[in-house]
Amino acid sequence: MKARLFYPLIASALALLGPGAQAQDSFPDRPVKLVVPVAAGGGVDTAFRTIAPYWGELLGQPVVVENRPGAGQVIGIDAVAKSKPDGYTLAGVGVPIAFNTALGKKLPYDPLKDLSAVAEVVTQPLLVVSHPSVPVKNFKELLDWARKQPAPVAYTSGGPGSYGHLWFEMVASQQRLAWQHIGYNGVAPALRDVIGGQVPVLVDAIVPTGVQVKAGKVQGLAIVRSKRSPMLPEVPTLQELGIQMPDAAPFYGVVGPAGMPPAVLNKLNDTLVRALKLPALQAKLADMGFDTVAGSPEDYGRKIRSEIDLWTRIVRENNIKVD
């Protein structure tokens, strides 16, 4: 008689704890998919492919990266926003998580309501480079040279609406200097054409472009932060060139669909943060030019909101438009 009463009581207690508490014990019991909404080879892809094995080891299941590029990261992010909120489908995203909203794009999701922030993972400085045929040695000389050209000089970035694109348009507006932006679907094809001489200038994060500076295939003109990068110590900062602008640091993080059980979200964050604090992973990311960030879901959520507010103002004040 006691046994008959005991087991239903256990079942009732588990039910009261809710699915999130039960999910904590069993999650994950299969691989976790990490959608990276850009083409392979760029900084976002490189960062998450580097982090995934370390994170998977602490999760106890593989973290499998799947590239799903298109529409300024919208296609991949939307797929995750509409996925089952069980923690098995996540997105490793770049700055378009905030910039798409700042640009006034009509999105099929609300980044603040339809997604759950898991954690910010890395930042990296912007880097301006040019093909070696461009007759300049730094960014200040590039501006002076561009003013003397009969037509707007072409430049490219990680894609329309990327950090490099918006930052460069802001600079162009402040300098009252017209440029022609050449849009690519990701930094890898953009960088390829700058190396090939089809486009003279590129502005994007230091990964993967910094490697090509070290190889001598493009020339580094400026690091967009207040101190030089250990990866490219010979490249000057804007401040050293007499151009006073705030640091520009593209940021990457992990999001999932809204409504994930708190216990699952906490486990994802806990294991990801512990992975990011591993000396081996930190050293590997630093060698590539990344600065490691490891914070709470709330920290990353606040970062997304603050970047939306900041760049909405910058886009409006500088009349920046993205087709």
C-alpha atoms as a PDB file:
ATOM      1  CA  MET A   1       0.000   0.000   0.000  1.00  0.00           C
ATOM      2  CA  LYS A   2       2.846   2.370   0.896  1.00  0.00           C
ATOM      3  CA  ALA A   3       4.631   1.615  -2.373  1.00  0.00           C
ATOM      4  CA  ARG A   4       1.481   2.370  -4.346  1.00  0.00           C
ATOM      5  CA  LEU A   5       1.324   5.807  -2.704  1.00  0.00           C
ATOM      6  CA  PHE A   6       5.076   6.456  -2.865  1.00  0.00           C
ATOM      7  CA  TYR A   7       5.670   6.233  -6.625  1.00  0.00           C
ATOM      8  CA  PRO A   8       2.779   8.504  -7.605  1.00  0.00           C
ATOM      9  CA  LEU A   9       4.155  11.039  -5.117  1.00  0.00           C
ATOM     10  CA  ILE A  10       7.547  10.932  -6.860  1.00  0.00           C
ATOM     11  CA  ALA A  11       5.882  11.418 -10.231  1.00  0.00           C
ATOM     12  CA  SER A  12       3.918  14.345  -8.866  1.00  0.00           C
ATOM     13  CA  ALA A  13       7.054  15.928  -7.429  1.00  0.00           C
ATOM     14  CA  LEU A  14       8.886  15.623 -10.754  1.00  0.00           C
ATOM     15  CA  ALA A  15       5.935  17.167 -12.537  1.00  0.00           C
ATOM     16  CA  LEU A  16       6.033  20.113 -10.147  1.00  0.00           C
ATOM     17  CA  LEU A  17       9.721  20.594 -10.871  1.00  0.00           C
ATOM     18  CA  GLY A  18       8.785  21.091 -14.522  1.00  0.00           C
ATOM     19  CA  PRO A  19      10.382  19.964 -17.767  1.00  0.00           C
ATOM     20  CA  GLY A  20      13.348  22.283 -17.333  1.00  0.00           C
ATOM     21  CA  ALA A  21      14.577  20.525 -14.200  1.00  0.00           C
ATOM     22  CA  GLN A  22      14.169  17.102 -15.787  1.00  0.00           C
ATOM     23  CA  ALA A  23      15.897  18.306 -18.962  1.00  0.00           C
ATOM     24  CA  GLN A  24      18.943  19.326 -16.908  1.00  0.00           C
ATOM     25  CA  ASP A  25      19.625  15.693 -16.054  1.00  0.00           C
ATOM     26  CA  SER A  26      19.236  14.265 -19.567  1.00  0.00           C
ATOM     27  CA  PHE A  27      20.368  17.187 -21.737  1.00  0.00           C
ATOM     28  CA  PRO A  28      22.069  16.708 -24.069  1.00  0.00           C
ATOM     29  CA  ASP A  29      21.546  13.109 -25.095  1.00  0.00           C
ATOM     30  CA  ARG A  30      22.423  13.703 -28.760  1.00  0.00           C
ATOM     31  CA  PRO A  31      24.597  16.144 -30.763  1.00  0.00           C
ATOM     32  CA  VAL A  32      23.818  19.862 -30.608  1.00  0.00           C
ATOM     33  CA  LYS A  33      23.578  21.685 -33.960  1.00  0.00           C
ATOM     34  CA  LEU A  34      25.202  25.106 -34.137  1.00  0.00           C
ATOM     35  CA  VAL A  35      23.982  27.006 -37.196  1.00  0.00           C
ATOM     36  CA  VAL A  36      26.573  29.511 -38.419  1.00  0.00           C
ATOM     37  CA  PRO A  37      24.658  31.863 -40.740  1.00  0.00           C
ATOM     38  CA  VAL A  38      27.627  32.790 -42.950  1.00  0.00           C
ATOM     39  CA  ALA A  39      29.735  31.069 -45.588  1.00  0.00           C
ATOM     40  CA  ALA A  40      32.658  28.947 -44.426  1.00  0.00           C
ATOM     41  CA  GLY A  41      36.024  30.621 -44.027  1.00  0.00           C
ATOM     42  CA  GLY A  42      35.216  33.985 -42.414  1.00  0.00           C
ATOM     43  CA  GLY A  43      35.805  35.191 -38.884  1.00  0.00           C
ATOM     44  CA  VAL A  44      32.436  34.044 -37.531  1.00  0.00           C
ATOM     45  CA  ASP A  45      32.872  30.562 -38.993  1.00  0.00           C
ATOM     46  CA  THR A  46      36.490  30.335 -37.806  1.00  0.00           C
ATOM     47  CA  ALA A  47      35.609  31.324 -34.248  1.00  0.00           C
ATOM     48  CA  PHE A  48      32.799  28.826 -33.815  1.00  0.00           C
ATOM     49  CA  ARG A  49      34.616  25.949 -35.504  1.00  0.00           C
ATOM     50  CA  THR A  50      37.494  26.561 -33.097  1.00  0.00           C
ATOM     51  CA  ILE A  51      35.229  26.705 -30.028  1.00  0.00           C
ATOM     52  CA  ALA A  52      32.859  23.834 -30.922  1.00  0.00           C
ATOM     53  CA  PRO A  53      35.100  20.834 -30.053  1.00  0.00           C
ATOM     54  CA  TYR A  54      36.001  22.226 -26.622  1.00  0.00           C
ATOM     55  CA  TRP A  55      32.384  23.079 -25.862  1.00  0.00           C
ATOM     56  CA  GLY A  56      31.180  19.679 -27.029  1.00  0.00           C
ATOM     57  CA  GLU A  57      33.625  17.910 -24.751  1.00  0.00           C
ATOM     58  CA  LEU A  58      32.220  19.687 -21.693  1.00  0.00           C
ATOM     59  CA  LEU A  59      28.623  19.196 -22.865  1.00  0.00           C
ATOM     60  CA  GLY A  60      29.217  15.486 -23.325  1.00  0.00           C
ATOM     61  CA  GLN A  61      27.912  15.572 -26.904  1.00  0.00           C
ATOM     62  CA  PRO A  62      29.404  16.917 -30.159  1.00  0.00           C
ATOM     63  CA  VAL A  63      28.581  20.480 -31.192  1.00  0.00           C
ATOM     64  CA  VAL A  64      28.146  20.206 -34.960  1.00  0.00           C
ATOM     65  CA  VAL A  65      28.641  23.375 -37.014  1.00  0.00           C
ATOM     66  CA  GLU A  66      26.321  23.839 -39.992  1.00  0.00           C
ATOM     67  CA  ASN A  67      26.810  26.793 -42.350  1.00  0.00           C
ATOM     68  CA  ARG A  68      23.569  28.373 -43.541  1.00  0.00           C
ATOM     69  CA  PRO A  69      24.477  31.721 -45.160  1.00  0.00           C
ATOM     70  CA  GLY A  70      22.243  34.296 -46.786  1.00  0.00           C
ATOM     71  CA  ALA A  71      20.487  37.651 -46.390  1.00  0.00           C
ATOM     72  CA  GLY A  72      22.970  39.114 -43.921  1.00  0.00           C
ATOM     73  CA  GLN A  73      22.678  36.132 -41.526  1.00  0.00           C
ATOM     74  CA  VAL A  74      18.859  36.418 -41.522  1.00  0.00           C
ATOM     75  CA  ILE A  75      18.208  32.995 -43.108  1.00  0.00           C
ATOM     76  CA  GLY A  76      20.206  31.037 -40.558  1.00  0.00           C
ATOM     77  CA  ILE A  77      19.044  33.062 -37.561  1.00  0.00           C
ATOM     78  CA  ASP A  78      15.405  32.754 -38.629  1.00  0.00           C
ATOM     79  CA  ALA A  79      15.718  28.977 -38.911  1.00  0.00           C
ATOM     80  CA  VAL A  80      16.971  28.824 -35.328  1.00  0.00           C
ATOM     81  CA  ALA A  81      14.336  31.273 -34.036  1.00  0.00           C
ATOM     82  CA  LYS A  82      11.632  28.984 -35.461  1.00  0.00           C
ATOM     83  CA  SER A  83      13.210  25.731 -34.238  1.00  0.00           C
ATOM     84  CA  LYS A  84      12.061  23.673 -31.271  1.00  0.00           C
ATOM     85  CA  PRO A  85      13.283  25.384 -28.053  1.00  0.00           C
ATOM     86  CA  ASP A  86      14.942  22.290 -26.623  1.00  0.00           C
ATOM     87  CA  GLY A  87      18.570  23.439 -26.782  1.00  0.00           C
ATOM     88  CA  TYR A  88      19.555  21.177 -29.671  1.00  0.00           C
ATOM     89  CA  THR A  89      19.452  23.901 -32.342  1.00  0.00           C
ATOM     90  CA  LEU A  90      21.479  27.052 -31.730  1.00  0.00           C
ATOM     91  CA  ALA A  91      23.109  29.793 -33.802  1.00  0.00           C
ATOM     92  CA  GLY A  92      26.607  31.202 -33.669  1.00  0.00           C
ATOM     93  CA  VAL A  93      26.043  34.774 -34.818  1.00  0.00           C
ATOM     94  CA  GLY A  94      27.944  37.939 -35.609  1.00  0.00           C
ATOM     95  CA  VAL A  95      26.992  41.588 -35.368  1.00  0.00           C
ATOM     96  CA  PRO A  96      23.981  41.373 -37.744  1.00  0.00           C
ATOM     97  CA  ILE A  97      22.041  40.065 -34.738  1.00  0.00           C
ATOM     98  CA  ALA A  98      21.954  43.760 -33.779  1.00  0.00           C
ATOM     99  CA  PHE A  99      22.790  45.577 -37.007  1.00  0.00           C
ATOM    100  CA  ASN A 100      19.900  44.202 -39.064  1.00  0.00           C
ATOM    101  CA  THR A 101      17.488  45.853 -36.648  1.00  0.00           C
ATOM    102  CA  ALA A 102      19.547  49.062 -36.498  1.00  0.00           C
ATOM    103  CA  LEU A 103      19.347  49.276 -40.289  1.00  0.00           C
ATOM    104  CA  GLY A 104      15.563  49.049 -40.177  1.00  0.00           C
ATOM    105  CA  LYS A 105      15.369  45.737 -42.024  1.00  0.00           C
ATOM    106  CA  LYS A 106      12.051  43.922 -41.991  1.00  0.00           C
ATOM    107  CA  LEU A 107      12.978  40.727 -40.186  1.00  0.00           C
ATOM    108  CA  PRO A 108      10.956  37.515 -39.818  1.00  0.00           C
ATOM    109  CA  TYR A 109      11.968  37.457 -36.143  1.00  0.00           C
ATOM    110  CA  ASP A 110      12.516  39.899 -33.284  1.00  0.00           C
ATOM    111  CA  PRO A 111      16.074  39.447 -31.945  1.00  0.00           C
ATOM    112  CA  LEU A 112      15.022  40.560 -28.460  1.00  0.00           C
ATOM    113  CA  LYS A 113      11.807  38.505 -28.223  1.00  0.00           C
ATOM    114  CA  ASP A 114      12.191  35.446 -30.444  1.00  0.00           C
ATOM    115  CA  LEU A 115      15.715  34.462 -29.424  1.00  0.00           C
ATOM    116  CA  SER A 116      17.438  33.489 -26.182  1.00  0.00           C
ATOM    117  CA  ALA A 117      20.927  34.864 -25.592  1.00  0.00           C
ATOM    118  CA  VAL A 118      23.278  32.076 -24.425  1.00  0.00           C
ATOM    119  CA  ALA A 119      26.643  33.862 -24.208  1.00  0.00           C
ATOM    120  CA  GLU A 120      28.942  36.278 -25.989  1.00  0.00           C
ATOM    121  CA  VAL A 121      32.087  34.373 -26.963  1.00  0.00           C
ATOM    122  CA  VAL A 122      34.675  36.629 -28.652  1.00  0.00           C
ATOM    123  CA  THR A 123      35.351  40.078 -30.041  1.00  0.00           C
ATOM    124  CA  GLN A 124      38.009  41.189 -32.504  1.00  0.00           C
ATOM    125  CA  PRO A 125      39.143  44.558 -33.855  1.00  0.00           C
ATOM    126  CA  LEU A 126      38.346  45.856 -37.308  1.00  0.00           C
ATOM    127  CA  LEU A 127      41.222  45.926 -39.784  1.00  0.00           C
ATOM    128  CA  VAL A 128      41.512  48.053 -42.943  1.00  0.00           C
ATOM    129  CA  VAL A 129      43.619  46.548 -45.751  1.00  0.00           C
ATOM    130  CA  SER A 130      44.306  47.232 -49.402  1.00  0.00           C
ATOM    131  CA  HIS A 131      45.745  45.475 -52.417  1.00  0.00           C
ATOM    132  CA  PRO A 132      49.527  46.111 -52.628  1.00  0.00           C
ATOM    133  CA  SER A 133      49.009  48.123 -55.823  1.00  0.00           C
ATOM    134  CA  VAL A 134      47.219  50.898 -53.909  1.00  0.00           C
ATOM    135  CA  PRO A 135      49.911  53.576 -53.424  1.00  0.00           C
ATOM    136  CA  VAL A 136      49.437  54.164 -49.690  1.00  0.00           C
ATOM    137  CA  LYS A 137      50.991  52.907 -46.469  1.00  0.00           C
ATOM    138  CA  ASN A 138      48.255  53.627 -43.907  1.00  0.00           C
ATOM    139  CA  PHE A 139      44.609  54.614 -43.545  1.00  0.00           C
ATOM    140  CA  LYS A 140      45.261  58.364 -43.411  1.00  0.00           C
ATOM    141  CA  GLU A 141      47.121  58.139 -46.720  1.00  0.00           C
ATOM    142  CA  LEU A 142      44.240  56.087 -48.116  1.00  0.00           C
ATOM    143  CA  LEU A 143      41.772  58.878 -47.324  1.00  0.00           C
ATOM    144  CA  ASP A 144      44.047  61.468 -48.931  1.00  0.00           C
ATOM    145  CA  TRP A 145      44.540  59.281 -52.021  1.00  0.00           C
ATOM    146  CA  ALA A 146      40.809  58.574 -52.360  1.00  0.00           C
ATOM    147  CA  ARG A 147      40.020  62.313 -52.378  1.00  0.00           C
ATOM    148  CA  LYS A 148      42.232  62.776 -55.444  1.00  0.00           C
ATOM    149  CA  GLN A 149      40.519  60.062 -57.524  1.00  0.00           C
ATOM    150  CA  PRO A 150      38.098  61.108 -60.289  1.00  0.00           C
ATOM    151  CA  ALA A 151      35.435  58.620 -59.139  1.00  0.00           C
ATOM    152  CA  PRO A 152      34.497  57.048 -55.784  1.00  0.00           C
ATOM    153  CA  VAL A 153      36.976  54.336 -54.822  1.00  0.00           C
ATOM    154  CA  ALA A 154      35.527  50.847 -54.400  1.00  0.00           C
ATOM    155  CA  TYR A 155      35.800  48.967 -51.151  1.00  0.00           C
ATOM    156  CA  THR A 156      34.309  45.803 -49.750  1.00  0.00           C
ATOM    157  CA  SER A 157      33.544  44.253 -46.360  1.00  0.00           C
ATOM    158  CA  GLY A 158      32.071  41.141 -44.792  1.00  0.00           C
ATOM    159  CA  GLY A 159      28.805  41.935 -46.568  1.00  0.00           C
ATOM    160  CA  PRO A 160      26.033  44.529 -46.671  1.00  0.00           C
ATOM    161  CA  GLY A 161      25.146  45.476 -43.109  1.00  0.00           C
ATOM    162  CA  SER A 162      28.334  44.025 -41.633  1.00  0.00           C
ATOM    163  CA  TYR A 163      30.328  45.860 -38.982  1.00  0.00           C
ATOM    164  CA  GLY A 164      32.972  46.802 -41.543  1.00  0.00           C
ATOM    165  CA  HIS A 165      30.365  48.159 -43.944  1.00  0.00           C
ATOM    166  CA  LEU A 166      28.553  50.303 -41.369  1.00  0.00           C
ATOM    167  CA  TRP A 167      31.774  51.551 -39.807  1.00  0.00           C
ATOM    168  CA  PHE A 168      33.246  52.532 -43.171  1.00  0.00           C
ATOM    169  CA  GLU A 169      30.061  54.309 -44.226  1.00  0.00           C
ATOM    170  CA  MET A 170      30.150  56.218 -40.927  1.00  0.00           C
ATOM    171  CA  VAL A 171      33.750  57.259 -41.616  1.00  0.00           C
ATOM    172  CA  ALA A 172      32.882  58.247 -45.193  1.00  0.00           C
ATOM    173  CA  SER A 173      30.032  60.410 -43.937  1.00  0.00           C
ATOM    174  CA  GLN A 174      32.190  62.100 -41.316  1.00  0.00           C
ATOM    175  CA  GLN A 175      35.023  62.649 -43.808  1.00  0.00           C
ATOM    176  CA  ARG A 176      32.579  63.824 -46.509  1.00  0.00           C
ATOM    177  CA  LEU A 177      34.140  61.320 -48.882  1.00  0.00           C
ATOM    178  CA  ALA A 178      32.167  59.108 -51.289  1.00  0.00           C
ATOM    179  CA  TRP A 179      33.036  55.415 -51.658  1.00  0.00           C
ATOM    180  CA  GLN A 180      31.479  52.580 -53.632  1.00  0.00           C
ATOM    181  CA  HIS A 181      30.652  49.537 -51.512  1.00  0.00           C
ATOM    182  CA  ILE A 182      30.917  46.187 -53.312  1.00  0.00           C
ATOM    183  CA  GLY A 183      28.745  43.646 -51.500  1.00  0.00           C
ATOM    184  CA  TYR A 184      29.701  39.981 -51.102  1.00  0.00           C
ATOM    185  CA  ASN A 185      28.019  37.152 -49.235  1.00  0.00           C
ATOM    186  CA  GLY A 186      30.702  36.855 -46.566  1.00  0.00           C
ATOM    187  CA  VAL A 187      34.265  38.026 -46.099  1.00  0.00           C
ATOM    188  CA  ALA A 188      35.928  35.002 -47.755  1.00  0.00           C
ATOM    189  CA  PRO A 189      34.921  35.905 -51.335  1.00  0.00           C
ATOM    190  CA  ALA A 190      35.486  39.604 -50.610  1.00  0.00           C
ATOM    191  CA  LEU A 191      39.005  38.953 -49.368  1.00  0.00           C
ATOM    192  CA  ARG A 192      39.704  36.709 -52.357  1.00  0.00           C
ATOM    193  CA  ASP A 193      38.892  39.529 -54.776  1.00  0.00           C
ATOM    194  CA  VAL A 194      40.975  42.074 -52.850  1.00  0.00           C
ATOM    195  CA  ILE A 195      43.929  39.674 -52.999  1.00  0.00           C
ATOM    196  CA  GLY A 196      43.245  39.283 -56.714  1.00  0.00           C
ATOM    197  CA  GLY A 197      43.129  43.034 -57.266  1.00  0.00           C
ATOM    198  CA  GLN A 198      39.489  43.201 -58.395  1.00  0.00           C
ATOM    199  CA  VAL A 199      38.614  45.460 -55.411  1.00  0.00           C
ATOM    200  CA  PRO A 200      41.278  47.760 -53.891  1.00  0.00           C
ATOM    201  CA  VAL A 201      40.170  48.061 -50.250  1.00  0.00           C
ATOM    202  CA  LEU A 202      38.578  45.847 -47.598  1.00  0.00           C
ATOM    203  CA  VAL A 203      37.481  46.613 -44.050  1.00  0.00           C
ATOM    204  CA  ASP A 204      36.513  43.709 -41.819  1.00  0.00           C
ATOM    205  CA  ALA A 205      37.496  41.953 -38.619  1.00  0.00           C
ATOM    206  CA  ILE A 206      41.096  40.865 -38.182  1.00  0.00           C
ATOM    207  CA  VAL A 207      40.094  37.214 -38.753  1.00  0.00           C
ATOM    208  CA  PRO A 208      40.722  35.931 -41.412  1.00  0.00           C
ATOM    209  CA  THR A 209      42.184  39.013 -43.105  1.00  0.00           C
ATOM    210  CA  GLY A 210      45.119  39.389 -40.720  1.00  0.00           C
ATOM    211  CA  VAL A 211      46.645  36.133 -41.945  1.00  0.00           C
ATOM    212  CA  GLN A 212      46.819  37.556 -45.461  1.00  0.00           C
ATOM    213  CA  VAL A 213      48.553  40.691 -44.157  1.00  0.00           C
ATOM    214  CA  LYS A 214      51.188  38.498 -42.527  1.00  0.00           C
ATOM    215  CA  ALA A 215      51.551  36.595 -45.804  1.00  0.00           C
ATOM    216  CA  GLY A 216      52.103  39.844 -47.718  1.00  0.00           C
ATOM    217  CA  LYS A 217      49.081  39.357 -49.987  1.00  0.00           C
ATOM    218  CA  VAL A 218      47.386  42.540 -48.748  1.00  0.00           C
ATOM    219  CA  GLN A 219      48.767  45.510 -46.843  1.00  0.00           C
ATOM    220  CA  GLY A 220      47.468  46.453 -43.399  1.00  0.00           C
ATOM    221  CA  LEU A 221      46.499  50.136 -43.159  1.00  0.00           C
ATOM    222  CA  ALA A 222      44.957  50.485 -39.686  1.00  0.00           C
ATOM    223  CA  ILE A 223      43.665  48.648 -36.633  1.00  0.00           C
ATOM    224  CA  VAL A 224      40.425  50.213 -35.392  1.00  0.00           C
ATOM    225  CA  ARG A 225      41.143  50.209 -31.677  1.00  0.00           C
ATOM    226  CA  SER A 226      43.295  52.152 -29.231  1.00  0.00           C
ATOM    227  CA  LYS A 227      46.142  49.617 -29.061  1.00  0.00           C
ATOM    228  CA  ARG A 228      47.973  47.615 -31.679  1.00  0.00           C
ATOM    229  CA  SER A 229      47.172  43.957 -32.204  1.00  0.00           C
ATOM    230  CA  PRO A 230      49.725  41.365 -31.049  1.00  0.00           C
ATOM    231  CA  MET A 231      48.858  39.492 -34.247  1.00  0.00           C
ATOM    232  CA  LEU A 232      49.871  42.466 -36.444  1.00  0.00           C
ATOM    233  CA  PRO A 233      52.136  44.653 -34.295  1.00  0.00           C
ATOM    234  CA  GLU A 234      53.358  46.602 -37.332  1.00  0.00           C
ATOM    235  CA  VAL A 235      49.887  47.926 -38.262  1.00  0.00           C
ATOM    236  CA  PRO A 236      49.156  51.339 -36.683  1.00  0.00           C
ATOM    237  CA  THR A 237      46.007  52.304 -34.824  1.00  0.00           C
ATOM    238  CA  LEU A 238      43.730  55.104 -36.027  1.00  0.00           C
ATOM    239  CA  GLN A 239      44.728  57.166 -33.002  1.00  0.00           C
ATOM    240  CA  GLU A 240      48.394  56.907 -33.979  1.00  0.00           C
ATOM    241  CA  LEU A 241      47.425  58.248 -37.403  1.00  0.00           C
ATOM    242  CA  GLY A 242      45.683  61.230 -35.816  1.00  0.00           C
ATOM    243  CA  ILE A 243      42.153  59.952 -36.513  1.00  0.00           C
ATOM    244  CA  GLN A 244      40.112  60.093 -33.310  1.00  0.00           C
ATOM    245  CA  MET A 245      37.412  57.425 -33.388  1.00  0.00           C
ATOM    246  CA  PRO A 246      36.181  54.928 -30.793  1.00  0.00           C
ATOM    247  CA  ASP A 247      37.262  51.295 -30.899  1.00  0.00           C
ATOM    248  CA  ALA A 248      35.311  49.077 -33.276  1.00  0.00           C
ATOM    249  CA  ALA A 249      35.067  45.455 -32.204  1.00  0.00           C
ATOM    250  CA  PRO A 250      32.768  42.996 -33.982  1.00  0.00           C
ATOM    251  CA  PHE A 251      31.285  40.645 -31.398  1.00  0.00           C
ATOM    252  CA  TYR A 252      30.134  37.046 -31.758  1.00  0.00           C
ATOM    253  CA  GLY A 253      27.832  35.011 -29.565  1.00  0.00           C
ATOM    254  CA  VAL A 254      25.483  32.064 -29.299  1.00  0.00           C
ATOM    255  CA  VAL A 255      21.694  32.345 -29.346  1.00  0.00           C
ATOM    256  CA  GLY A 256      18.852  29.856 -29.340  1.00  0.00           C
ATOM    257  CA  PRO A 257      15.105  30.041 -29.808  1.00  0.00           C
ATOM    258  CA  ALA A 258      13.050  31.790 -27.148  1.00  0.00           C
ATOM    259  CA  GLY A 259      11.434  29.568 -24.566  1.00  0.00           C
ATOM    260  CA  MET A 260      14.258  27.156 -23.841  1.00  0.00           C
ATOM    261  CA  PRO A 261      13.958  25.565 -20.389  1.00  0.00           C
ATOM    262  CA  PRO A 262      16.021  27.596 -17.895  1.00  0.00           C
ATOM    263  CA  ALA A 263      17.979  24.522 -16.837  1.00  0.00           C
ATOM    264  CA  VAL A 264      18.968  23.807 -20.447  1.00  0.00           C
ATOM    265  CA  LEU A 265      19.944  27.435 -21.049  1.00  0.00           C
ATOM    266  CA  ASN A 266      22.005  27.463 -17.867  1.00  0.00           C
ATOM    267  CA  LYS A 267      23.802  24.258 -18.834  1.00  0.00           C
ATOM    268  CA  LEU A 268      24.595  25.598 -22.291  1.00  0.00           C
ATOM    269  CA  ASN A 269      25.971  28.805 -20.808  1.00  0.00           C
ATOM    270  CA  ASP A 270      27.901  27.083 -18.024  1.00  0.00           C
ATOM    271  CA  THR A 271      29.671  24.640 -20.334  1.00  0.00           C
ATOM    272  CA  LEU A 272      30.360  27.296 -22.970  1.00  0.00           C
ATOM    273  CA  VAL A 273      31.833  29.714 -20.424  1.00  0.00           C
ATOM    274  CA  ARG A 274      33.988  26.952 -18.913  1.00  0.00           C
ATOM    275  CA  ALA A 275      35.210  26.027 -22.401  1.00  0.00           C
ATOM    276  CA  LEU A 276      36.124  29.640 -23.158  1.00  0.00           C
ATOM    277  CA  LYS A 277      38.178  29.788 -19.962  1.00  0.00           C
ATOM    278  CA  LEU A 278      40.310  26.769 -20.906  1.00  0.00           C
ATOM    279  CA  PRO A 279      43.919  27.981 -21.385  1.00  0.00           C
ATOM    280  CA  ALA A 280      44.355  25.890 -24.548  1.00  0.00           C
ATOM    281  CA  LEU A 281      41.301  27.410 -26.218  1.00  0.00           C
ATOM    282  CA  GLN A 282      42.127  30.934 -25.045  1.00  0.00           C
ATOM    283  CA  ALA A 283      45.637  30.626 -26.486  1.00  0.00           C
ATOM    284  CA  LYS A 284      44.327  29.326 -29.797  1.00  0.00           C
ATOM    285  CA  LEU A 285      41.780  32.139 -30.101  1.00  0.00           C
ATOM    286  CA  ALA A 286      44.346  34.788 -29.123  1.00  0.00           C
ATOM    287  CA  ASP A 287      46.783  33.539 -31.780  1.00  0.00           C
ATOM    288  CA  MET A 288      44.020  34.072 -34.358  1.00  0.00           C
ATOM    289  CA  GLY A 289      43.353  37.635 -33.192  1.00  0.00           C
ATOM    290  CA  PHE A 290      40.247  37.025 -31.054  1.00  0.00           C
ATOM    291  CA  ASP A 291      39.651  38.467 -27.584  1.00  0.00           C
ATOM    292  CA  THR A 292      37.743  35.983 -25.430  1.00  0.00           C
ATOM    293  CA  VAL A 293      34.508  36.968 -23.677  1.00  0.00           C
ATOM    294  CA  ALA A 294      32.700  34.648 -21.276  1.00  0.00           C
ATOM    295  CA  GLY A 295      29.630  36.051 -19.564  1.00  0.00           C
ATOM    296  CA  SER A 296      26.058  35.316 -18.618  1.00  0.00           C
ATOM    297  CA  PRO A 297      23.020  35.157 -20.911  1.00  0.00           C
ATOM    298  CA  GLU A 298      21.919  38.440 -19.354  1.00  0.00           C
ATOM    299  CA  ASP A 299      25.260  40.079 -20.237  1.00  0.00           C
ATOM    300  CA  TYR A 300      24.945  39.056 -23.876  1.00  0.00           C
ATOM    301  CA  GLY A 301      21.292  40.088 -24.036  1.00  0.00           C
ATOM    302  CA  ARG A 302      22.210  43.548 -22.746  1.00  0.00           C
ATOM    303  CA  LYS A 303      25.057  43.760 -25.284  1.00  0.00           C
ATOM    304  CA  ILE A 304      22.690  43.030 -28.189  1.00  0.00           C
ATOM    305  CA  ARG A 305      20.215  45.639 -26.967  1.00  0.00           C
ATOM    306  CA  SER A 306      22.886  48.301 -26.432  1.00  0.00           C
ATOM    307  CA  GLU A 307      24.406  47.699 -29.881  1.00  0.00           C
ATOM    308  CA  ILE A 308      20.972  48.009 -31.480  1.00  0.00           C
ATOM    309  CA  ASP A 309      20.477  51.349 -29.739  1.00  0.00           C
ATOM    310  CA  LEU A 310      23.984  52.622 -30.588  1.00  0.00           C
ATOM    311  CA  TRP A 311      23.948  51.715 -34.274  1.00  0.00           C
ATOM    312  CA  THR A 312      20.354  52.807 -34.789  1.00  0.00           C
ATOM    313  CA  ARG A 313      21.518  56.270 -33.758  1.00  0.00           C
ATOM    314  CA  ILE A 314      24.669  56.104 -35.924  1.00  0.00           C
ATOM    315  CA  VAL A 315      22.710  54.896 -38.966  1.00  0.00           C
ATOM    316  CA  ARG A 316      20.196  57.718 -38.534  1.00  0.00           C
ATOM    317  CA  GLU A 317      22.769  60.463 -37.881  1.00  0.00           C
ATOM    318  CA  ASN A 318      24.965  59.444 -40.832  1.00  0.00           C
ATOM    319  CA  ASN A 319      22.111  58.584 -43.209  1.00  0.00           C
ATOM    320  CA  ILE A 320      23.533  55.094 -43.815  1.00  0.00           C
ATOM    321  CA  LYS A 321      21.514  52.912 -46.158  1.00  0.00           C
ATOM    322  CA  VAL A 322      21.923  49.279 -47.169  1.00  0.00           C
ATOM    323  CA  ASP A 323      20.194  47.997 -50.276  1.00  0.00           C
END
